[in-house]
Amino acid sequence: MGGLLFNVTTAALMMLMLNGGLALVGQDTLRGRRIPWAAVGLTAVALAGVITQLCWSGAMDALDSDPARSGWWRTVTATFMQNGGPLGGAWNIATLAVIAALANWFWGAPLTLGLFLASILLPEYIDALFGENGHGTDPRNFAGSSGATYFLAATLSAALLLRTLRTGRRHDRESLKETLLAAAVPALGLAIWFAQSNGHGLVSVYGFALGSAACTLTHRTSARPAPAGEVPHEAA
């Protein structure tokens, strides 16, 4: 029962962030957007990781992030290994593809790749800063792309919240809905972390914080509808 509840709350958090990303980018504009090549690349690497696991029995031992093993590369390579079985692996890759595409359309390819790299490298340093040295906040359990995906997805929720706060339309129904949708992400993230030690929640909080900083530094608070063949970016 505990495992089922864990999966339900983890999926609920992803659905919040997915809907927030769609609201941010504009669901009705998706057909007119360019191919999100950064998302295609990240998904291809994740699929290559699965193929490597299927073809090489020693892949997990060589590439996961088990702290009992040495290897500087493990933090990165472990992200593209999957250890949740066929359904877990399919979920991880599907959510990575969708979230990375939304991020690509909002942040642009270079910043999306930078944020994804941060999602791989930053959590363990933040954990260490707060004395979490036992992989307690790492949802990957030494392998899996879900932690990085949830981190990246949360950056979109942060951007959505900042957009609704800055447009001055906070009292109309649609803006209120978007505000609540975005603000619920760190709230639910912290709740499932404290209640379940669910690391997906904590890395989502990390991503939300970095997304807020990225929006402030880049002055990017909205993504306008994109005609076919055009990459949308709009600064505040």
C-alpha atoms as a PDB file:
ATOM      1  CA  MET A   1       0.000   0.000   0.000  1.00  0.00           C
ATOM      2  CA  GLY A   2       2.845   2.333   0.833  1.00  0.00           C
ATOM      3  CA  GLY A   3       4.455   1.708  -2.559  1.00  0.00           C
ATOM      4  CA  LEU A   4       1.185   2.432  -4.355  1.00  0.00           C
ATOM      5  CA  LEU A   5       0.724   5.697  -2.468  1.00  0.00           C
ATOM      6  CA  PHE A   6       4.297   6.653  -3.282  1.00  0.00           C
ATOM      7  CA  ASN A   7       3.663   6.087  -6.986  1.00  0.00           C
ATOM      8  CA  VAL A   8       0.359   7.966  -6.919  1.00  0.00           C
ATOM      9  CA  THR A   9       1.782  11.062  -5.251  1.00  0.00           C
ATOM     10  CA  THR A  10       4.841  10.994  -7.509  1.00  0.00           C
ATOM     11  CA  ALA A  11       2.625  10.817 -10.597  1.00  0.00           C
ATOM     12  CA  ALA A  12       0.355  13.565  -9.231  1.00  0.00           C
ATOM     13  CA  LEU A  13       3.338  15.874  -8.840  1.00  0.00           C
ATOM     14  CA  MET A  14       4.376  15.222 -12.435  1.00  0.00           C
ATOM     15  CA  MET A  15       0.825  15.902 -13.691  1.00  0.00           C
ATOM     16  CA  LEU A  16       0.840  19.258 -11.884  1.00  0.00           C
ATOM     17  CA  MET A  17       4.113  20.229 -13.529  1.00  0.00           C
ATOM     18  CA  LEU A  18       3.094  18.901 -16.940  1.00  0.00           C
ATOM     19  CA  ASN A  19      -0.105  20.938 -16.918  1.00  0.00           C
ATOM     20  CA  GLY A  20       1.836  23.950 -15.718  1.00  0.00           C
ATOM     21  CA  GLY A  21       4.278  23.560 -18.590  1.00  0.00           C
ATOM     22  CA  LEU A  22       1.437  23.341 -21.101  1.00  0.00           C
ATOM     23  CA  ALA A  23      -0.164  26.465 -19.643  1.00  0.00           C
ATOM     24  CA  LEU A  24       3.148  28.291 -19.806  1.00  0.00           C
ATOM     25  CA  VAL A  25       3.939  27.434 -23.406  1.00  0.00           C
ATOM     26  CA  GLY A  26       0.365  27.461 -24.650  1.00  0.00           C
ATOM     27  CA  GLN A  27      -1.186  24.115 -25.489  1.00  0.00           C
ATOM     28  CA  ASP A  28      -2.916  25.552 -28.550  1.00  0.00           C
ATOM     29  CA  THR A  29       0.426  26.676 -30.017  1.00  0.00           C
ATOM     30  CA  LEU A  30       2.223  23.308 -30.020  1.00  0.00           C
ATOM     31  CA  ARG A  31       1.465  22.450 -33.642  1.00  0.00           C
ATOM     32  CA  GLY A  32       3.194  25.599 -34.884  1.00  0.00           C
ATOM     33  CA  ARG A  33       6.471  25.082 -33.064  1.00  0.00           C
ATOM     34  CA  ARG A  34       9.790  23.834 -34.333  1.00  0.00           C
ATOM     35  CA  ILE A  35      11.141  20.412 -33.479  1.00  0.00           C
ATOM     36  CA  PRO A  36      12.634  20.674 -29.954  1.00  0.00           C
ATOM     37  CA  TRP A  37      16.055  19.333 -30.804  1.00  0.00           C
ATOM     38  CA  ALA A  38      17.408  19.508 -27.260  1.00  0.00           C
ATOM     39  CA  ALA A  39      14.519  17.294 -26.132  1.00  0.00           C
ATOM     40  CA  VAL A  40      15.107  14.924 -29.044  1.00  0.00           C
ATOM     41  CA  GLY A  41      18.771  14.654 -28.080  1.00  0.00           C
ATOM     42  CA  LEU A  42      18.108  14.003 -24.388  1.00  0.00           C
ATOM     43  CA  THR A  43      15.482  11.394 -25.197  1.00  0.00           C
ATOM     44  CA  ALA A  44      17.816   9.704 -27.667  1.00  0.00           C
ATOM     45  CA  VAL A  45      20.547   9.461 -25.032  1.00  0.00           C
ATOM     46  CA  ALA A  46      18.048   7.994 -22.552  1.00  0.00           C
ATOM     47  CA  LEU A  47      16.955   5.408 -25.132  1.00  0.00           C
ATOM     48  CA  ALA A  48      20.598   4.626 -25.864  1.00  0.00           C
ATOM     49  CA  GLY A  49      21.072   3.986 -22.158  1.00  0.00           C
ATOM     50  CA  VAL A  50      18.246   1.453 -22.158  1.00  0.00           C
ATOM     51  CA  ILE A  51      19.656  -0.258 -25.244  1.00  0.00           C
ATOM     52  CA  THR A  52      23.051  -0.396 -23.539  1.00  0.00           C
ATOM     53  CA  GLN A  53      21.466  -2.085 -20.525  1.00  0.00           C
ATOM     54  CA  LEU A  54      19.753  -4.640 -22.753  1.00  0.00           C
ATOM     55  CA  CYS A  55      22.948  -5.437 -24.671  1.00  0.00           C
ATOM     56  CA  TRP A  56      25.452  -5.324 -21.807  1.00  0.00           C
ATOM     57  CA  SER A  57      24.758  -7.149 -18.564  1.00  0.00           C
ATOM     58  CA  GLY A  58      27.404  -5.139 -16.726  1.00  0.00           C
ATOM     59  CA  ALA A  59      26.046  -1.726 -17.686  1.00  0.00           C
ATOM     60  CA  MET A  60      24.392  -0.967 -14.345  1.00  0.00           C
ATOM     61  CA  ASP A  61      27.457  -1.938 -12.332  1.00  0.00           C
ATOM     62  CA  ALA A  62      29.678   0.208 -14.543  1.00  0.00           C
ATOM     63  CA  LEU A  63      27.434   3.253 -14.936  1.00  0.00           C
ATOM     64  CA  ASP A  64      25.113   3.649 -11.939  1.00  0.00           C
ATOM     65  CA  SER A  65      25.846   6.037  -9.069  1.00  0.00           C
ATOM     66  CA  ASP A  66      26.253   3.506  -6.265  1.00  0.00           C
ATOM     67  CA  PRO A  67      28.488   5.318  -3.747  1.00  0.00           C
ATOM     68  CA  ALA A  68      30.189   2.020  -2.945  1.00  0.00           C
ATOM     69  CA  ARG A  69      31.781   2.142  -6.389  1.00  0.00           C
ATOM     70  CA  SER A  70      34.288   4.648  -7.721  1.00  0.00           C
ATOM     71  CA  GLY A  71      34.034   6.594 -10.965  1.00  0.00           C
ATOM     72  CA  TRP A  72      33.670  10.329 -11.609  1.00  0.00           C
ATOM     73  CA  TRP A  73      31.336   9.694 -14.545  1.00  0.00           C
ATOM     74  CA  ARG A  74      28.663   7.899 -12.543  1.00  0.00           C
ATOM     75  CA  THR A  75      26.680  10.972 -11.549  1.00  0.00           C
ATOM     76  CA  VAL A  76      25.997  11.699 -15.224  1.00  0.00           C
ATOM     77  CA  THR A  77      25.736   8.202 -16.689  1.00  0.00           C
ATOM     78  CA  ALA A  78      23.402   7.009 -13.921  1.00  0.00           C
ATOM     79  CA  THR A  79      20.822   9.517 -15.126  1.00  0.00           C
ATOM     80  CA  PHE A  80      20.455   7.603 -18.375  1.00  0.00           C
ATOM     81  CA  MET A  81      20.193   4.154 -16.773  1.00  0.00           C
ATOM     82  CA  GLN A  82      16.742   2.874 -15.766  1.00  0.00           C
ATOM     83  CA  ASN A  83      16.065   0.503 -12.877  1.00  0.00           C
ATOM     84  CA  GLY A  84      12.292   0.695 -12.470  1.00  0.00           C
ATOM     85  CA  GLY A  85      11.419  -2.189 -14.739  1.00  0.00           C
ATOM     86  CA  PRO A  86       9.731  -1.868 -18.156  1.00  0.00           C
ATOM     87  CA  LEU A  87       6.855   0.317 -16.939  1.00  0.00           C
ATOM     88  CA  GLY A  88       9.086   2.523 -14.822  1.00  0.00           C
ATOM     89  CA  GLY A  89      11.575   2.944 -17.635  1.00  0.00           C
ATOM     90  CA  ALA A  90       8.825   3.770 -20.129  1.00  0.00           C
ATOM     91  CA  TRP A  91       7.350   6.367 -17.748  1.00  0.00           C
ATOM     92  CA  ASN A  92      10.748   7.946 -17.175  1.00  0.00           C
ATOM     93  CA  ILE A  93      11.570   8.248 -20.863  1.00  0.00           C
ATOM     94  CA  ALA A  94       8.091   9.449 -21.852  1.00  0.00           C
ATOM     95  CA  THR A  95       8.032  12.159 -19.190  1.00  0.00           C
ATOM     96  CA  LEU A  96      11.585  13.186 -20.063  1.00  0.00           C
ATOM     97  CA  ALA A  97      10.627  13.592 -23.727  1.00  0.00           C
ATOM     98  CA  VAL A  98       7.547  15.702 -22.972  1.00  0.00           C
ATOM     99  CA  ILE A  99       9.055  17.883 -20.245  1.00  0.00           C
ATOM    100  CA  ALA A 100      12.259  18.461 -22.207  1.00  0.00           C
ATOM    101  CA  ALA A 101      10.190  19.529 -25.229  1.00  0.00           C
ATOM    102  CA  LEU A 102       8.207  22.053 -23.181  1.00  0.00           C
ATOM    103  CA  ALA A 103      11.425  23.325 -21.622  1.00  0.00           C
ATOM    104  CA  ASN A 104      13.063  23.588 -25.048  1.00  0.00           C
ATOM    105  CA  TRP A 105      10.192  25.708 -26.343  1.00  0.00           C
ATOM    106  CA  PHE A 106      10.209  27.989 -23.315  1.00  0.00           C
ATOM    107  CA  TRP A 107      13.849  28.231 -22.261  1.00  0.00           C
ATOM    108  CA  GLY A 108      15.475  27.545 -25.627  1.00  0.00           C
ATOM    109  CA  ALA A 109      17.850  24.663 -26.325  1.00  0.00           C
ATOM    110  CA  PRO A 110      21.063  25.977 -24.668  1.00  0.00           C
ATOM    111  CA  LEU A 111      19.379  26.916 -21.392  1.00  0.00           C
ATOM    112  CA  THR A 112      17.354  23.690 -21.357  1.00  0.00           C
ATOM    113  CA  LEU A 113      20.534  21.647 -21.646  1.00  0.00           C
ATOM    114  CA  GLY A 114      22.169  23.791 -18.970  1.00  0.00           C
ATOM    115  CA  LEU A 115      19.239  23.312 -16.606  1.00  0.00           C
ATOM    116  CA  PHE A 116      19.225  19.589 -17.275  1.00  0.00           C
ATOM    117  CA  LEU A 117      22.922  19.389 -16.469  1.00  0.00           C
ATOM    118  CA  ALA A 118      22.228  21.344 -13.276  1.00  0.00           C
ATOM    119  CA  SER A 119      19.478  18.853 -12.446  1.00  0.00           C
ATOM    120  CA  ILE A 120      22.079  16.088 -12.571  1.00  0.00           C
ATOM    121  CA  LEU A 121      24.888  17.809 -10.692  1.00  0.00           C
ATOM    122  CA  LEU A 122      23.282  20.180  -8.191  1.00  0.00           C
ATOM    123  CA  PRO A 123      21.069  17.950  -6.001  1.00  0.00           C
ATOM    124  CA  GLU A 124      23.918  16.007  -4.417  1.00  0.00           C
ATOM    125  CA  TYR A 125      25.763  19.236  -3.565  1.00  0.00           C
ATOM    126  CA  ILE A 126      22.641  20.792  -2.066  1.00  0.00           C
ATOM    127  CA  ASP A 127      22.014  17.562  -0.149  1.00  0.00           C
ATOM    128  CA  ALA A 128      25.543  17.693   1.246  1.00  0.00           C
ATOM    129  CA  LEU A 129      25.072  21.336   2.217  1.00  0.00           C
ATOM    130  CA  PHE A 130      22.108  20.346   4.387  1.00  0.00           C
ATOM    131  CA  GLY A 131      23.750  17.198   5.698  1.00  0.00           C
ATOM    132  CA  GLU A 132      21.882  14.733   3.472  1.00  0.00           C
ATOM    133  CA  ASN A 133      24.741  12.439   2.550  1.00  0.00           C
ATOM    134  CA  GLY A 134      23.025   9.084   2.203  1.00  0.00           C
ATOM    135  CA  HIS A 135      21.240   9.518  -1.140  1.00  0.00           C
ATOM    136  CA  GLY A 136      18.131  10.173   0.936  1.00  0.00           C
ATOM    137  CA  THR A 137      16.972  12.903  -1.396  1.00  0.00           C
ATOM    138  CA  ASP A 138      17.970  11.115  -4.589  1.00  0.00           C
ATOM    139  CA  PRO A 139      14.859   9.631  -6.228  1.00  0.00           C
ATOM    140  CA  ARG A 140      16.988   7.716  -8.703  1.00  0.00           C
ATOM    141  CA  ASN A 141      18.121   5.045  -6.187  1.00  0.00           C
ATOM    142  CA  PHE A 142      21.510   5.150  -7.923  1.00  0.00           C
ATOM    143  CA  ALA A 143      20.001   5.180 -11.436  1.00  0.00           C
ATOM    144  CA  GLY A 144      17.145   6.678 -13.467  1.00  0.00           C
ATOM    145  CA  SER A 145      16.215   9.909 -15.229  1.00  0.00           C
ATOM    146  CA  SER A 146      13.220  10.787 -13.057  1.00  0.00           C
ATOM    147  CA  GLY A 147      15.100  13.050 -10.647  1.00  0.00           C
ATOM    148  CA  ALA A 148      16.488  15.193 -13.466  1.00  0.00           C
ATOM    149  CA  THR A 149      13.105  15.279 -15.208  1.00  0.00           C
ATOM    150  CA  TYR A 150      11.234  16.423 -12.108  1.00  0.00           C
ATOM    151  CA  PHE A 151      13.870  19.086 -11.475  1.00  0.00           C
ATOM    152  CA  LEU A 152      13.559  20.389 -15.039  1.00  0.00           C
ATOM    153  CA  ALA A 153       9.761  20.283 -14.942  1.00  0.00           C
ATOM    154  CA  ALA A 154       9.726  22.376 -11.776  1.00  0.00           C
ATOM    155  CA  THR A 155      11.646  25.169 -13.516  1.00  0.00           C
ATOM    156  CA  LEU A 156       8.617  25.573 -15.803  1.00  0.00           C
ATOM    157  CA  SER A 157       6.271  25.803 -12.822  1.00  0.00           C
ATOM    158  CA  ALA A 158       8.428  28.563 -11.368  1.00  0.00           C
ATOM    159  CA  ALA A 159       8.289  30.458 -14.667  1.00  0.00           C
ATOM    160  CA  LEU A 160       4.504  30.089 -14.786  1.00  0.00           C
ATOM    161  CA  LEU A 161       4.116  31.472 -11.279  1.00  0.00           C
ATOM    162  CA  LEU A 162       6.356  34.450 -12.002  1.00  0.00           C
ATOM    163  CA  ARG A 163       4.449  35.159 -15.211  1.00  0.00           C
ATOM    164  CA  THR A 164       1.085  35.246 -13.477  1.00  0.00           C
ATOM    165  CA  LEU A 165       2.447  37.454 -10.710  1.00  0.00           C
ATOM    166  CA  ARG A 166       3.988  39.918 -13.158  1.00  0.00           C
ATOM    167  CA  THR A 167       1.179  40.259 -15.690  1.00  0.00           C
ATOM    168  CA  GLY A 168      -1.100  42.062 -13.268  1.00  0.00           C
ATOM    169  CA  ARG A 169      -4.030  39.744 -14.095  1.00  0.00           C
ATOM    170  CA  ARG A 170      -3.907  37.832 -10.857  1.00  0.00           C
ATOM    171  CA  HIS A 171      -7.615  38.244 -10.138  1.00  0.00           C
ATOM    172  CA  ASP A 172      -9.086  36.775 -13.305  1.00  0.00           C
ATOM    173  CA  ARG A 173     -10.086  33.117 -13.194  1.00  0.00           C
ATOM    174  CA  GLU A 174      -7.489  31.801 -15.633  1.00  0.00           C
ATOM    175  CA  SER A 175      -4.582  33.551 -13.941  1.00  0.00           C
ATOM    176  CA  LEU A 176      -5.758  32.382 -10.527  1.00  0.00           C
ATOM    177  CA  LYS A 177      -5.879  28.816 -11.826  1.00  0.00           C
ATOM    178  CA  GLU A 178      -2.332  29.109 -13.211  1.00  0.00           C
ATOM    179  CA  THR A 179      -1.057  30.648  -9.971  1.00  0.00           C
ATOM    180  CA  LEU A 180      -2.493  27.819  -7.893  1.00  0.00           C
ATOM    181  CA  LEU A 181      -1.225  25.217 -10.372  1.00  0.00           C
ATOM    182  CA  ALA A 182       2.318  26.569 -10.167  1.00  0.00           C
ATOM    183  CA  ALA A 183       2.383  27.280  -6.426  1.00  0.00           C
ATOM    184  CA  ALA A 184       1.128  23.763  -5.676  1.00  0.00           C
ATOM    185  CA  VAL A 185       4.363  22.260  -7.033  1.00  0.00           C
ATOM    186  CA  PRO A 186       6.766  23.249  -4.231  1.00  0.00           C
ATOM    187  CA  ALA A 187       3.993  22.775  -1.676  1.00  0.00           C
ATOM    188  CA  LEU A 188       3.257  19.205  -2.778  1.00  0.00           C
ATOM    189  CA  GLY A 189       6.956  18.552  -3.277  1.00  0.00           C
ATOM    190  CA  LEU A 190       7.758  19.419   0.315  1.00  0.00           C
ATOM    191  CA  ALA A 191       4.703  17.540   1.568  1.00  0.00           C
ATOM    192  CA  ILE A 192       5.649  14.255  -0.075  1.00  0.00           C
ATOM    193  CA  TRP A 193       9.264  14.692   0.956  1.00  0.00           C
ATOM    194  CA  PHE A 194       8.377  15.084   4.624  1.00  0.00           C
ATOM    195  CA  ALA A 195       5.583  12.489   4.565  1.00  0.00           C
ATOM    196  CA  GLN A 196       7.233   9.827   2.401  1.00  0.00           C
ATOM    197  CA  SER A 197      10.908  10.805   2.096  1.00  0.00           C
ATOM    198  CA  ASN A 198      10.018  10.989  -1.594  1.00  0.00           C
ATOM    199  CA  GLY A 199      13.040  12.553  -3.254  1.00  0.00           C
ATOM    200  CA  HIS A 200      11.058  13.544  -6.334  1.00  0.00           C
ATOM    201  CA  GLY A 201       9.407  16.167  -4.164  1.00  0.00           C
ATOM    202  CA  LEU A 202      12.642  17.648  -2.889  1.00  0.00           C
ATOM    203  CA  VAL A 203      14.390  17.832  -6.256  1.00  0.00           C
ATOM    204  CA  SER A 204      11.256  19.556  -7.581  1.00  0.00           C
ATOM    205  CA  VAL A 205      11.724  22.217  -4.922  1.00  0.00           C
ATOM    206  CA  TYR A 206      15.346  22.587  -5.999  1.00  0.00           C
ATOM    207  CA  GLY A 207      14.240  22.950  -9.619  1.00  0.00           C
ATOM    208  CA  PHE A 208      11.573  25.478  -8.687  1.00  0.00           C
ATOM    209  CA  ALA A 209      14.178  27.615  -6.935  1.00  0.00           C
ATOM    210  CA  LEU A 210      16.608  27.459  -9.862  1.00  0.00           C
ATOM    211  CA  GLY A 211      13.807  28.164 -12.339  1.00  0.00           C
ATOM    212  CA  SER A 212      12.860  31.280 -10.397  1.00  0.00           C
ATOM    213  CA  ALA A 213      16.466  32.447 -10.488  1.00  0.00           C
ATOM    214  CA  ALA A 214      16.781  31.686 -14.218  1.00  0.00           C
ATOM    215  CA  CYS A 215      13.630  33.693 -14.986  1.00  0.00           C
ATOM    216  CA  THR A 216      14.901  36.630 -12.969  1.00  0.00           C
ATOM    217  CA  LEU A 217      18.311  36.588 -14.611  1.00  0.00           C
ATOM    218  CA  THR A 218      17.066  36.110 -18.166  1.00  0.00           C
ATOM    219  CA  HIS A 219      13.947  38.310 -17.809  1.00  0.00           C
ATOM    220  CA  ARG A 220      11.988  35.552 -19.521  1.00  0.00           C
ATOM    221  CA  THR A 221       8.480  35.284 -18.098  1.00  0.00           C
ATOM    222  CA  SER A 222       6.309  34.197 -20.999  1.00  0.00           C
ATOM    223  CA  ALA A 223       6.312  32.275 -24.223  1.00  0.00           C
ATOM    224  CA  ARG A 224       4.206  33.818 -26.958  1.00  0.00           C
ATOM    225  CA  PRO A 225       2.328  31.713 -29.489  1.00  0.00           C
ATOM    226  CA  ALA A 226       4.681  30.602 -32.225  1.00  0.00           C
ATOM    227  CA  PRO A 227       3.883  30.601 -35.924  1.00  0.00           C
ATOM    228  CA  ALA A 228       5.154  27.632 -37.871  1.00  0.00           C
ATOM    229  CA  GLY A 229       8.921  27.632 -38.132  1.00  0.00           C
ATOM    230  CA  GLU A 230       9.477  30.217 -35.412  1.00  0.00           C
ATOM    231  CA  VAL A 231      11.069  29.706 -32.032  1.00  0.00           C
ATOM    232  CA  PRO A 232       9.099  31.617 -29.394  1.00  0.00           C
ATOM    233  CA  HIS A 233      10.825  33.765 -26.795  1.00  0.00           C
ATOM    234  CA  GLU A 234       9.527  36.844 -25.094  1.00  0.00           C
ATOM    235  CA  ALA A 235      11.232  38.806 -22.386  1.00  0.00           C
ATOM    236  CA  ALA A 236       9.405  40.679 -19.689  1.00  0.00           C
END
